[in-house]
Amino acid sequence: MRRRDQNERQDYNVKKPPEELAQKLLAISDQLTGTDLDVSVDEIAKMADVPRATLYYYFSGKEDLISFFLSDKLHRVSVAIGKAMAGEGSVVQRLENTLTAVMEAMAEHPALCTEMPGAVKEAAKYTEVVNEAERVMLAPFRELLIEGKASGELVIDDVNTTAIALLGAVNMVALFQLVQTGTIDVATTNAALIPALINGVAPR
C-alpha cells in the first residue's frame, strides 16, 4: 500500500501575512494556551510587538489568527508523522514510531495539544483547521491501521474509532502533564503509554 507523503508543506487555506510578520507571530504562538482559545487580538499584538491595526489588516479576527497558529502546528505534526510512517519496519514498529513522533511534537510545541481541543469544540469557527487536522493527522493513522488490519499485524474492528482513540490518548496524557507540571516527560511517558496503546490493537 502506498504511504502518504507528509513532508511537503500543505496549503491550509488561511491568510498568508508577510514573512516578517509571520515569524513574529509564530515566535509567540507556543505561549498561547488554554483549551478555550481565550486570547484577544490585542493580547496577540502586544505579545508579538506588532500594531493592532496590522493584524486586522491581514486577519479578520481572533479565529483567523488562531487558525494561522494551528495551521503551522499541524504542518509540524504532519512532517513528524510522515517521517515516522515512511521509515522501515513492520506496521507495529511504524505505529510505535508515529505515536512517539506525535508525543515529541506536542512536547516541542505544547500549545498544539492545548489549542486543538478548543478548535474541535468550536468546529463551526475553525472548520478549515478541523478538516485539516483530520487530513494530516487522522487520515495517516487510519491508513497505517488499515494496512495492519489487512496484513493481520493488528486486530481492529473500527479503524476510524481506533485512530481517534490512539491520537486522543496521546493528546490527553500530554495535556494532563502540561496542566500538572508545565512540561511533558516524553521518554517516561512514551515508555509507559505506547506499549499499552499497541497492546490494545495487537493480536492476542
N, C-alpha and C. Protein backbone atom coordinates (compact mmCIF):
# COMPACT_ATOMS: atom_id res chain seq x y z
N MET A 1 0.84 -1.20 0.00
CA MET A 1 0.00 0.00 0.00
C MET A 1 0.88 1.26 0.00
N ARG A 2 0.52 2.22 -0.78
CA ARG A 2 1.31 3.45 -0.87
C ARG A 2 1.14 4.28 0.39
N ARG A 3 2.26 4.73 0.94
CA ARG A 3 2.22 5.56 2.12
C ARG A 3 2.11 7.02 1.74
N ARG A 4 1.44 7.77 2.58
CA ARG A 4 1.25 9.19 2.31
C ARG A 4 2.55 9.94 2.50
N ASP A 5 2.82 10.89 1.62
CA ASP A 5 3.99 11.75 1.77
C ASP A 5 3.56 13.01 2.50
N GLN A 6 3.94 13.12 3.78
CA GLN A 6 3.52 14.25 4.60
C GLN A 6 4.60 15.31 4.70
N ASN A 7 5.71 15.16 3.96
CA ASN A 7 6.85 16.02 4.20
C ASN A 7 6.76 17.38 3.52
N GLU A 8 5.90 17.51 2.53
CA GLU A 8 5.78 18.78 1.86
C GLU A 8 4.79 19.66 2.60
N ARG A 9 5.08 20.92 2.66
CA ARG A 9 4.19 21.86 3.35
C ARG A 9 2.84 21.89 2.66
N GLN A 10 1.77 21.80 3.46
CA GLN A 10 0.42 21.77 2.92
C GLN A 10 -0.13 23.20 2.83
N ASP A 11 -1.08 23.41 1.93
CA ASP A 11 -1.76 24.70 1.85
C ASP A 11 -2.97 24.64 2.76
N TYR A 12 -2.95 25.37 3.85
CA TYR A 12 -4.02 25.30 4.83
C TYR A 12 -5.13 26.29 4.56
N ASN A 13 -5.03 27.00 3.45
CA ASN A 13 -6.11 27.90 3.04
C ASN A 13 -6.40 28.95 4.11
N VAL A 14 -5.37 29.49 4.74
CA VAL A 14 -5.53 30.61 5.63
C VAL A 14 -4.70 31.76 5.08
N LYS A 15 -4.92 32.97 5.58
CA LYS A 15 -4.23 34.14 5.06
C LYS A 15 -2.73 34.02 5.27
N LYS A 16 -1.98 34.51 4.33
CA LYS A 16 -0.52 34.47 4.40
C LYS A 16 0.01 35.88 4.64
N PRO A 17 0.36 36.22 5.86
CA PRO A 17 0.95 37.53 6.13
C PRO A 17 2.36 37.59 5.60
N PRO A 18 2.96 38.78 5.52
CA PRO A 18 4.37 38.88 5.10
C PRO A 18 5.26 38.04 6.01
N GLU A 19 6.38 37.60 5.48
CA GLU A 19 7.25 36.68 6.22
C GLU A 19 7.69 37.26 7.56
N GLU A 20 8.04 38.53 7.60
CA GLU A 20 8.49 39.13 8.85
C GLU A 20 7.41 39.08 9.92
N LEU A 21 6.19 39.42 9.53
CA LEU A 21 5.07 39.37 10.46
C LEU A 21 4.78 37.93 10.87
N ALA A 22 4.80 37.03 9.91
CA ALA A 22 4.54 35.63 10.20
C ALA A 22 5.52 35.09 11.23
N GLN A 23 6.79 35.42 11.08
CA GLN A 23 7.80 34.93 12.01
C GLN A 23 7.59 35.51 13.41
N LYS A 24 7.19 36.76 13.50
CA LYS A 24 6.91 37.35 14.80
C LYS A 24 5.74 36.64 15.48
N LEU A 25 4.72 36.33 14.71
CA LEU A 25 3.56 35.66 15.27
C LEU A 25 3.88 34.23 15.68
N LEU A 26 4.60 33.52 14.82
CA LEU A 26 4.94 32.13 15.14
C LEU A 26 5.88 32.05 16.33
N ALA A 27 6.69 33.08 16.52
CA ALA A 27 7.63 33.09 17.64
C ALA A 27 6.91 33.10 18.99
N ILE A 28 5.70 33.66 19.02
CA ILE A 28 4.97 33.73 20.29
C ILE A 28 3.82 32.71 20.34
N SER A 29 3.66 31.92 19.29
CA SER A 29 2.48 31.05 19.21
C SER A 29 2.44 29.99 20.31
N ASP A 30 3.60 29.48 20.74
CA ASP A 30 3.59 28.45 21.77
C ASP A 30 3.36 29.01 23.16
N GLN A 31 3.26 30.33 23.28
CA GLN A 31 2.88 30.93 24.56
C GLN A 31 1.36 30.96 24.71
N LEU A 32 0.66 30.70 23.62
CA LEU A 32 -0.80 30.75 23.64
C LEU A 32 -1.34 29.40 24.07
N THR A 33 -1.98 29.36 25.22
CA THR A 33 -2.50 28.11 25.74
C THR A 33 -3.94 28.30 26.16
N GLY A 34 -4.55 27.21 26.60
CA GLY A 34 -5.93 27.28 27.04
C GLY A 34 -6.85 26.59 26.06
N THR A 35 -7.62 25.63 26.56
CA THR A 35 -8.46 24.85 25.66
C THR A 35 -9.63 25.65 25.11
N ASP A 36 -9.88 26.85 25.67
CA ASP A 36 -10.95 27.69 25.13
C ASP A 36 -10.41 28.75 24.18
N LEU A 37 -9.12 28.69 23.85
CA LEU A 37 -8.51 29.67 22.95
C LEU A 37 -8.81 31.08 23.42
N ASP A 38 -8.70 31.30 24.73
CA ASP A 38 -9.12 32.57 25.33
C ASP A 38 -8.00 33.60 25.21
N VAL A 39 -7.88 34.17 24.02
CA VAL A 39 -6.87 35.20 23.79
C VAL A 39 -7.45 36.21 22.81
N SER A 40 -7.12 37.48 23.01
CA SER A 40 -7.66 38.53 22.15
C SER A 40 -6.63 38.98 21.13
N VAL A 41 -7.12 39.65 20.10
CA VAL A 41 -6.23 40.20 19.09
C VAL A 41 -5.28 41.20 19.73
N ASP A 42 -5.78 42.01 20.66
CA ASP A 42 -4.94 42.99 21.34
C ASP A 42 -3.80 42.30 22.10
N GLU A 43 -4.12 41.20 22.75
CA GLU A 43 -3.09 40.46 23.50
C GLU A 43 -2.04 39.88 22.57
N ILE A 44 -2.49 39.35 21.45
CA ILE A 44 -1.55 38.79 20.47
C ILE A 44 -0.65 39.90 19.91
N ALA A 45 -1.25 41.06 19.60
CA ALA A 45 -0.47 42.18 19.07
C ALA A 45 0.60 42.61 20.08
N LYS A 46 0.23 42.66 21.35
CA LYS A 46 1.19 43.07 22.39
C LYS A 46 2.30 42.04 22.54
N MET A 47 1.94 40.75 22.55
CA MET A 47 2.93 39.69 22.71
C MET A 47 3.92 39.66 21.54
N ALA A 48 3.40 39.89 20.33
CA ALA A 48 4.24 39.83 19.13
C ALA A 48 4.91 41.17 18.83
N ASP A 49 4.55 42.21 19.58
CA ASP A 49 5.10 43.56 19.39
C ASP A 49 4.85 44.06 17.97
N VAL A 50 3.57 43.95 17.55
CA VAL A 50 3.16 44.47 16.25
C VAL A 50 1.91 45.33 16.46
N PRO A 51 1.68 46.32 15.60
CA PRO A 51 0.49 47.15 15.75
C PRO A 51 -0.79 46.33 15.59
N ARG A 52 -1.77 46.67 16.41
CA ARG A 52 -3.06 46.01 16.33
C ARG A 52 -3.67 46.15 14.94
N ALA A 53 -3.52 47.34 14.35
CA ALA A 53 -4.09 47.59 13.02
C ALA A 53 -3.46 46.68 11.96
N THR A 54 -2.18 46.34 12.15
CA THR A 54 -1.51 45.45 11.20
C THR A 54 -2.15 44.07 11.22
N LEU A 55 -2.45 43.59 12.40
CA LEU A 55 -3.09 42.27 12.49
C LEU A 55 -4.46 42.27 11.83
N TYR A 56 -5.22 43.34 12.07
CA TYR A 56 -6.55 43.40 11.47
C TYR A 56 -6.49 43.61 9.96
N TYR A 57 -5.37 44.09 9.45
CA TYR A 57 -5.22 44.22 8.01
C TYR A 57 -5.10 42.85 7.35
N TYR A 58 -4.41 41.94 8.02
CA TYR A 58 -4.17 40.61 7.44
C TYR A 58 -5.10 39.52 7.96
N PHE A 59 -5.70 39.76 9.13
CA PHE A 59 -6.56 38.74 9.73
C PHE A 59 -7.91 39.35 10.09
N SER A 60 -8.96 38.59 9.90
CA SER A 60 -10.31 39.11 10.15
C SER A 60 -10.63 39.19 11.64
N GLY A 61 -9.92 38.47 12.46
CA GLY A 61 -10.19 38.48 13.89
C GLY A 61 -9.45 37.36 14.60
N LYS A 62 -9.86 37.09 15.84
CA LYS A 62 -9.17 36.10 16.66
C LYS A 62 -9.17 34.72 16.02
N GLU A 63 -10.33 34.29 15.49
CA GLU A 63 -10.42 32.96 14.92
C GLU A 63 -9.46 32.78 13.75
N ASP A 64 -9.32 33.84 12.96
CA ASP A 64 -8.41 33.78 11.81
C ASP A 64 -6.96 33.65 12.27
N LEU A 65 -6.61 34.37 13.33
CA LEU A 65 -5.26 34.28 13.87
C LEU A 65 -5.00 32.90 14.47
N ILE A 66 -5.95 32.38 15.22
CA ILE A 66 -5.79 31.05 15.81
C ILE A 66 -5.67 30.00 14.71
N SER A 67 -6.42 30.17 13.63
CA SER A 67 -6.30 29.24 12.50
C SER A 67 -4.89 29.28 11.92
N PHE A 68 -4.32 30.46 11.85
CA PHE A 68 -2.95 30.61 11.36
C PHE A 68 -1.97 29.87 12.26
N PHE A 69 -2.12 30.05 13.59
CA PHE A 69 -1.24 29.36 14.52
C PHE A 69 -1.39 27.84 14.43
N LEU A 70 -2.63 27.37 14.42
CA LEU A 70 -2.87 25.93 14.39
C LEU A 70 -2.41 25.31 13.07
N SER A 71 -2.52 26.07 11.99
CA SER A 71 -2.06 25.56 10.69
C SER A 71 -0.57 25.26 10.73
N ASP A 72 0.19 26.17 11.34
CA ASP A 72 1.62 25.96 11.45
C ASP A 72 1.92 24.72 12.28
N LYS A 73 1.21 24.53 13.38
CA LYS A 73 1.44 23.38 14.24
C LYS A 73 1.02 22.08 13.55
N LEU A 74 -0.06 22.13 12.82
CA LEU A 74 -0.48 20.93 12.09
C LEU A 74 0.57 20.55 11.04
N HIS A 75 1.17 21.54 10.43
CA HIS A 75 2.24 21.24 9.48
C HIS A 75 3.39 20.52 10.17
N ARG A 76 3.77 21.01 11.35
CA ARG A 76 4.89 20.40 12.07
C ARG A 76 4.58 18.94 12.44
N VAL A 77 3.35 18.69 12.89
CA VAL A 77 2.97 17.33 13.24
C VAL A 77 2.91 16.46 11.99
N SER A 78 2.40 17.01 10.89
CA SER A 78 2.29 16.21 9.66
C SER A 78 3.66 15.77 9.17
N VAL A 79 4.66 16.66 9.32
CA VAL A 79 6.02 16.30 8.92
C VAL A 79 6.53 15.16 9.80
N ALA A 80 6.32 15.28 11.11
CA ALA A 80 6.78 14.24 12.03
C ALA A 80 6.08 12.91 11.75
N ILE A 81 4.78 12.95 11.51
CA ILE A 81 4.05 11.72 11.20
C ILE A 81 4.54 11.12 9.90
N GLY A 82 4.75 11.96 8.89
CA GLY A 82 5.20 11.46 7.60
C GLY A 82 6.54 10.75 7.69
N LYS A 83 7.48 11.32 8.44
CA LYS A 83 8.80 10.70 8.58
C LYS A 83 8.69 9.37 9.32
N ALA A 84 7.87 9.32 10.36
CA ALA A 84 7.73 8.09 11.13
C ALA A 84 7.08 6.99 10.30
N MET A 85 6.07 7.35 9.53
CA MET A 85 5.37 6.36 8.72
C MET A 85 6.22 5.86 7.57
N ALA A 86 7.10 6.71 7.06
CA ALA A 86 7.91 6.35 5.90
C ALA A 86 9.12 5.50 6.28
N GLY A 87 9.36 5.31 7.57
CA GLY A 87 10.51 4.54 8.00
C GLY A 87 10.36 3.05 7.71
N GLU A 88 11.45 2.34 7.91
CA GLU A 88 11.44 0.90 7.72
C GLU A 88 10.79 0.21 8.92
N GLY A 89 10.38 -1.03 8.72
CA GLY A 89 9.85 -1.82 9.82
C GLY A 89 8.43 -2.28 9.59
N SER A 90 7.95 -3.09 10.51
CA SER A 90 6.59 -3.61 10.44
C SER A 90 5.58 -2.51 10.72
N VAL A 91 4.32 -2.84 10.53
CA VAL A 91 3.26 -1.88 10.85
C VAL A 91 3.31 -1.50 12.32
N VAL A 92 3.52 -2.49 13.18
CA VAL A 92 3.58 -2.21 14.61
C VAL A 92 4.73 -1.27 14.94
N GLN A 93 5.89 -1.52 14.34
CA GLN A 93 7.04 -0.64 14.60
C GLN A 93 6.78 0.77 14.11
N ARG A 94 6.18 0.89 12.92
CA ARG A 94 5.89 2.22 12.39
C ARG A 94 4.80 2.92 13.19
N LEU A 95 3.85 2.15 13.71
CA LEU A 95 2.81 2.73 14.55
C LEU A 95 3.42 3.26 15.85
N GLU A 96 4.32 2.49 16.44
CA GLU A 96 5.03 2.95 17.63
C GLU A 96 5.80 4.24 17.34
N ASN A 97 6.51 4.25 16.22
CA ASN A 97 7.30 5.44 15.85
C ASN A 97 6.41 6.65 15.61
N THR A 98 5.25 6.41 15.02
CA THR A 98 4.34 7.52 14.73
C THR A 98 3.75 8.09 16.01
N LEU A 99 3.34 7.23 16.93
CA LEU A 99 2.83 7.70 18.22
C LEU A 99 3.91 8.47 18.99
N THR A 100 5.13 7.96 18.93
CA THR A 100 6.25 8.66 19.57
C THR A 100 6.46 10.03 18.94
N ALA A 101 6.38 10.10 17.62
CA ALA A 101 6.58 11.37 16.91
C ALA A 101 5.52 12.39 17.30
N VAL A 102 4.29 11.94 17.48
CA VAL A 102 3.22 12.86 17.86
C VAL A 102 3.48 13.42 19.26
N MET A 103 3.87 12.54 20.19
CA MET A 103 4.16 13.00 21.55
C MET A 103 5.33 13.98 21.56
N GLU A 104 6.35 13.69 20.78
CA GLU A 104 7.51 14.59 20.70
C GLU A 104 7.12 15.94 20.13
N ALA A 105 6.25 15.94 19.12
CA ALA A 105 5.81 17.20 18.53
C ALA A 105 5.01 18.02 19.53
N MET A 106 4.18 17.35 20.33
CA MET A 106 3.40 18.07 21.34
C MET A 106 4.29 18.62 22.44
N ALA A 107 5.36 17.89 22.78
CA ALA A 107 6.29 18.38 23.79
C ALA A 107 7.05 19.60 23.28
N GLU A 108 7.40 19.58 22.00
CA GLU A 108 8.13 20.69 21.41
C GLU A 108 7.25 21.92 21.22
N HIS A 109 5.98 21.67 20.91
CA HIS A 109 5.02 22.76 20.67
C HIS A 109 3.77 22.50 21.52
N PRO A 110 3.86 22.73 22.83
CA PRO A 110 2.79 22.34 23.74
C PRO A 110 1.45 22.99 23.47
N ALA A 111 1.44 24.16 22.83
CA ALA A 111 0.15 24.79 22.55
C ALA A 111 -0.70 23.94 21.62
N LEU A 112 -0.08 23.04 20.89
CA LEU A 112 -0.84 22.18 19.97
C LEU A 112 -1.90 21.38 20.72
N CYS A 113 -1.50 20.73 21.82
CA CYS A 113 -2.47 19.87 22.50
C CYS A 113 -3.37 20.66 23.43
N THR A 114 -3.08 21.94 23.68
CA THR A 114 -3.99 22.74 24.47
C THR A 114 -4.97 23.53 23.60
N GLU A 115 -4.58 23.83 22.37
CA GLU A 115 -5.43 24.63 21.49
C GLU A 115 -6.40 23.78 20.67
N MET A 116 -5.94 22.62 20.20
CA MET A 116 -6.77 21.83 19.29
C MET A 116 -8.10 21.39 19.91
N PRO A 117 -8.14 20.98 21.18
CA PRO A 117 -9.46 20.62 21.74
C PRO A 117 -10.46 21.76 21.64
N GLY A 118 -9.99 22.99 21.86
CA GLY A 118 -10.88 24.13 21.75
C GLY A 118 -11.35 24.34 20.33
N ALA A 119 -10.46 24.11 19.37
CA ALA A 119 -10.85 24.26 17.96
C ALA A 119 -11.88 23.21 17.56
N VAL A 120 -11.68 21.98 18.03
CA VAL A 120 -12.65 20.92 17.72
C VAL A 120 -13.99 21.23 18.37
N LYS A 121 -13.94 21.73 19.60
CA LYS A 121 -15.17 22.09 20.31
C LYS A 121 -15.94 23.17 19.56
N GLU A 122 -15.21 24.11 18.97
CA GLU A 122 -15.84 25.20 18.21
C GLU A 122 -15.61 25.00 16.72
N ALA A 123 -15.93 23.82 16.25
CA ALA A 123 -15.62 23.45 14.86
C ALA A 123 -16.24 24.39 13.84
N ALA A 124 -17.39 24.97 14.17
CA ALA A 124 -18.04 25.89 13.22
C ALA A 124 -17.16 27.11 12.94
N LYS A 125 -16.37 27.52 13.95
CA LYS A 125 -15.48 28.67 13.77
C LYS A 125 -14.16 28.27 13.13
N TYR A 126 -13.79 27.01 13.29
CA TYR A 126 -12.48 26.55 12.85
C TYR A 126 -12.61 25.38 11.87
N THR A 127 -13.57 25.48 10.98
CA THR A 127 -13.86 24.37 10.07
C THR A 127 -12.64 23.93 9.28
N GLU A 128 -11.92 24.89 8.71
CA GLU A 128 -10.76 24.54 7.88
C GLU A 128 -9.68 23.85 8.69
N VAL A 129 -9.45 24.34 9.91
CA VAL A 129 -8.42 23.74 10.77
C VAL A 129 -8.82 22.32 11.17
N VAL A 130 -10.08 22.14 11.56
CA VAL A 130 -10.54 20.81 11.96
C VAL A 130 -10.46 19.84 10.79
N ASN A 131 -10.87 20.29 9.61
CA ASN A 131 -10.77 19.43 8.43
C ASN A 131 -9.33 19.08 8.11
N GLU A 132 -8.43 20.06 8.28
CA GLU A 132 -7.02 19.80 8.01
C GLU A 132 -6.42 18.86 9.03
N ALA A 133 -6.84 18.97 10.28
CA ALA A 133 -6.38 18.04 11.31
C ALA A 133 -6.79 16.62 10.97
N GLU A 134 -8.01 16.49 10.47
CA GLU A 134 -8.47 15.16 10.06
C GLU A 134 -7.61 14.61 8.93
N ARG A 135 -7.23 15.49 8.01
CA ARG A 135 -6.49 15.04 6.83
C ARG A 135 -5.03 14.72 7.14
N VAL A 136 -4.38 15.55 7.95
CA VAL A 136 -2.95 15.37 8.15
C VAL A 136 -2.61 14.54 9.39
N MET A 137 -3.58 14.34 10.30
CA MET A 137 -3.31 13.54 11.49
C MET A 137 -4.10 12.24 11.50
N LEU A 138 -5.41 12.33 11.41
CA LEU A 138 -6.22 11.12 11.49
C LEU A 138 -6.07 10.23 10.27
N ALA A 139 -6.09 10.82 9.08
CA ALA A 139 -6.04 10.02 7.85
C ALA A 139 -4.79 9.14 7.76
N PRO A 140 -3.59 9.66 8.06
CA PRO A 140 -2.41 8.79 8.02
C PRO A 140 -2.49 7.64 9.03
N PHE A 141 -3.04 7.90 10.21
CA PHE A 141 -3.20 6.84 11.20
C PHE A 141 -4.16 5.78 10.67
N ARG A 142 -5.25 6.21 10.07
CA ARG A 142 -6.20 5.24 9.51
C ARG A 142 -5.53 4.39 8.44
N GLU A 143 -4.73 5.03 7.61
CA GLU A 143 -4.06 4.29 6.53
C GLU A 143 -3.14 3.21 7.10
N LEU A 144 -2.40 3.56 8.14
CA LEU A 144 -1.50 2.59 8.76
C LEU A 144 -2.28 1.48 9.44
N LEU A 145 -3.39 1.82 10.08
CA LEU A 145 -4.22 0.80 10.72
C LEU A 145 -4.86 -0.12 9.70
N ILE A 146 -5.29 0.42 8.58
CA ILE A 146 -5.86 -0.40 7.52
C ILE A 146 -4.82 -1.39 7.00
N GLU A 147 -3.60 -0.90 6.82
CA GLU A 147 -2.51 -1.77 6.36
C GLU A 147 -2.27 -2.90 7.36
N GLY A 148 -2.24 -2.56 8.65
CA GLY A 148 -2.02 -3.57 9.68
C GLY A 148 -3.16 -4.55 9.80
N LYS A 149 -4.37 -4.07 9.63
CA LYS A 149 -5.53 -4.97 9.67
C LYS A 149 -5.51 -5.94 8.51
N ALA A 150 -5.14 -5.45 7.33
CA ALA A 150 -5.10 -6.31 6.14
C ALA A 150 -4.02 -7.37 6.25
N SER A 151 -2.88 -7.03 6.88
CA SER A 151 -1.78 -7.98 7.00
C SER A 151 -1.91 -8.90 8.20
N GLY A 152 -2.86 -8.62 9.07
CA GLY A 152 -3.03 -9.42 10.27
C GLY A 152 -2.14 -9.00 11.42
N GLU A 153 -1.38 -7.92 11.24
CA GLU A 153 -0.50 -7.45 12.31
C GLU A 153 -1.27 -6.73 13.41
N LEU A 154 -2.45 -6.22 13.07
CA LEU A 154 -3.28 -5.53 14.04
C LEU A 154 -4.68 -6.13 14.02
N VAL A 155 -5.33 -6.15 15.16
CA VAL A 155 -6.71 -6.63 15.27
C VAL A 155 -7.58 -5.43 15.60
N ILE A 156 -8.34 -4.99 14.60
CA ILE A 156 -9.14 -3.77 14.72
C ILE A 156 -10.50 -3.99 14.09
N ASP A 157 -11.53 -3.57 14.80
CA ASP A 157 -12.88 -3.64 14.24
C ASP A 157 -13.23 -2.34 13.51
N ASP A 158 -13.08 -1.23 14.19
CA ASP A 158 -13.44 0.07 13.62
C ASP A 158 -12.17 0.91 13.49
N VAL A 159 -11.67 1.05 12.27
CA VAL A 159 -10.41 1.74 12.04
C VAL A 159 -10.51 3.21 12.44
N ASN A 160 -11.59 3.87 12.09
CA ASN A 160 -11.72 5.30 12.37
C ASN A 160 -11.74 5.57 13.87
N THR A 161 -12.55 4.80 14.59
CA THR A 161 -12.63 4.97 16.04
C THR A 161 -11.29 4.70 16.70
N THR A 162 -10.59 3.67 16.22
CA THR A 162 -9.29 3.33 16.80
C THR A 162 -8.27 4.44 16.55
N ALA A 163 -8.27 5.00 15.35
CA ALA A 163 -7.35 6.10 15.05
C ALA A 163 -7.61 7.30 15.97
N ILE A 164 -8.87 7.63 16.16
CA ILE A 164 -9.23 8.74 17.05
C ILE A 164 -8.81 8.44 18.48
N ALA A 165 -9.02 7.18 18.90
CA ALA A 165 -8.67 6.79 20.27
C ALA A 165 -7.17 6.88 20.51
N LEU A 166 -6.37 6.45 19.54
CA LEU A 166 -4.92 6.49 19.69
C LEU A 166 -4.42 7.92 19.80
N LEU A 167 -4.85 8.77 18.87
CA LEU A 167 -4.43 10.17 18.92
C LEU A 167 -4.98 10.87 20.16
N GLY A 168 -6.22 10.54 20.51
CA GLY A 168 -6.83 11.15 21.69
C GLY A 168 -6.10 10.79 22.96
N ALA A 169 -5.64 9.55 23.06
CA ALA A 169 -4.91 9.12 24.25
C ALA A 169 -3.61 9.89 24.39
N VAL A 170 -2.88 10.03 23.28
CA VAL A 170 -1.63 10.79 23.32
C VAL A 170 -1.90 12.23 23.73
N ASN A 171 -2.92 12.83 23.14
CA ASN A 171 -3.23 14.23 23.43
C ASN A 171 -3.62 14.42 24.89
N MET A 172 -4.46 13.54 25.43
CA MET A 172 -4.94 13.72 26.79
C MET A 172 -3.82 13.53 27.81
N VAL A 173 -2.97 12.54 27.59
CA VAL A 173 -1.84 12.33 28.50
C VAL A 173 -0.92 13.53 28.47
N ALA A 174 -0.64 14.03 27.28
CA ALA A 174 0.22 15.21 27.15
C ALA A 174 -0.43 16.42 27.82
N LEU A 175 -1.73 16.60 27.62
CA LEU A 175 -2.44 17.74 28.19
C LEU A 175 -2.42 17.70 29.72
N PHE A 176 -2.68 16.53 30.29
CA PHE A 176 -2.67 16.42 31.75
C PHE A 176 -1.29 16.72 32.32
N GLN A 177 -0.25 16.25 31.65
CA GLN A 177 1.10 16.55 32.13
C GLN A 177 1.39 18.05 32.07
N LEU A 178 0.95 18.69 31.00
CA LEU A 178 1.17 20.13 30.88
C LEU A 178 0.44 20.90 31.98
N VAL A 179 -0.78 20.49 32.27
CA VAL A 179 -1.55 21.16 33.31
C VAL A 179 -0.91 20.96 34.68
N GLN A 180 -0.43 19.73 34.92
CA GLN A 180 0.11 19.40 36.24
C GLN A 180 1.53 19.89 36.46
N THR A 181 2.37 19.81 35.42
CA THR A 181 3.79 20.10 35.61
C THR A 181 4.32 21.21 34.70
N GLY A 182 3.56 21.59 33.69
CA GLY A 182 4.02 22.62 32.77
C GLY A 182 4.92 22.11 31.68
N THR A 183 5.15 20.80 31.65
CA THR A 183 6.01 20.21 30.62
C THR A 183 5.58 18.77 30.36
N ILE A 184 6.20 18.14 29.34
CA ILE A 184 5.89 16.75 29.00
C ILE A 184 7.17 15.94 29.09
N ASP A 185 7.16 14.90 29.90
CA ASP A 185 8.29 13.98 30.01
C ASP A 185 8.14 12.93 28.92
N VAL A 186 8.69 13.20 27.75
CA VAL A 186 8.47 12.36 26.57
C VAL A 186 8.96 10.93 26.79
N ALA A 187 10.19 10.76 27.24
CA ALA A 187 10.77 9.43 27.36
C ALA A 187 9.98 8.55 28.33
N THR A 188 9.72 9.07 29.52
CA THR A 188 9.00 8.29 30.53
C THR A 188 7.57 8.01 30.10
N THR A 189 6.92 9.03 29.53
CA THR A 189 5.53 8.87 29.11
C THR A 189 5.40 7.87 27.98
N ASN A 190 6.27 7.97 26.98
CA ASN A 190 6.20 7.04 25.86
C ASN A 190 6.47 5.62 26.32
N ALA A 191 7.39 5.44 27.26
CA ALA A 191 7.72 4.10 27.74
C ALA A 191 6.52 3.44 28.41
N ALA A 192 5.67 4.25 29.06
CA ALA A 192 4.50 3.70 29.74
C ALA A 192 3.27 3.64 28.84
N LEU A 193 3.09 4.67 28.02
CA LEU A 193 1.85 4.80 27.26
C LEU A 193 1.82 3.97 25.99
N ILE A 194 2.88 4.05 25.18
CA ILE A 194 2.83 3.45 23.85
C ILE A 194 2.67 1.93 23.89
N PRO A 195 3.38 1.20 24.75
CA PRO A 195 3.12 -0.25 24.82
C PRO A 195 1.67 -0.58 25.16
N ALA A 196 1.07 0.22 26.03
CA ALA A 196 -0.33 -0.01 26.39
C ALA A 196 -1.24 0.20 25.19
N LEU A 197 -0.95 1.24 24.40
CA LEU A 197 -1.75 1.51 23.20
C LEU A 197 -1.57 0.41 22.16
N ILE A 198 -0.33 -0.02 21.95
CA ILE A 198 -0.05 -1.06 20.96
C ILE A 198 -0.69 -2.39 21.39
N ASN A 199 -0.63 -2.70 22.67
CA ASN A 199 -1.24 -3.95 23.16
C ASN A 199 -2.74 -3.98 22.90
N GLY A 200 -3.34 -2.80 22.85
CA GLY A 200 -4.78 -2.75 22.59
C GLY A 200 -5.19 -3.10 21.19
N VAL A 201 -4.23 -3.05 20.24
CA VAL A 201 -4.55 -3.37 18.84
C VAL A 201 -3.74 -4.57 18.31
N ALA A 202 -2.89 -5.14 19.15
CA ALA A 202 -2.07 -6.26 18.73
C ALA A 202 -2.85 -7.58 18.85
N PRO A 203 -2.54 -8.57 18.01
CA PRO A 203 -3.20 -9.89 18.12
C PRO A 203 -2.88 -10.50 19.48
N ARG A 204 -3.83 -11.25 20.00
CA ARG A 204 -3.63 -11.90 21.31
C ARG A 204 -3.35 -13.38 21.13
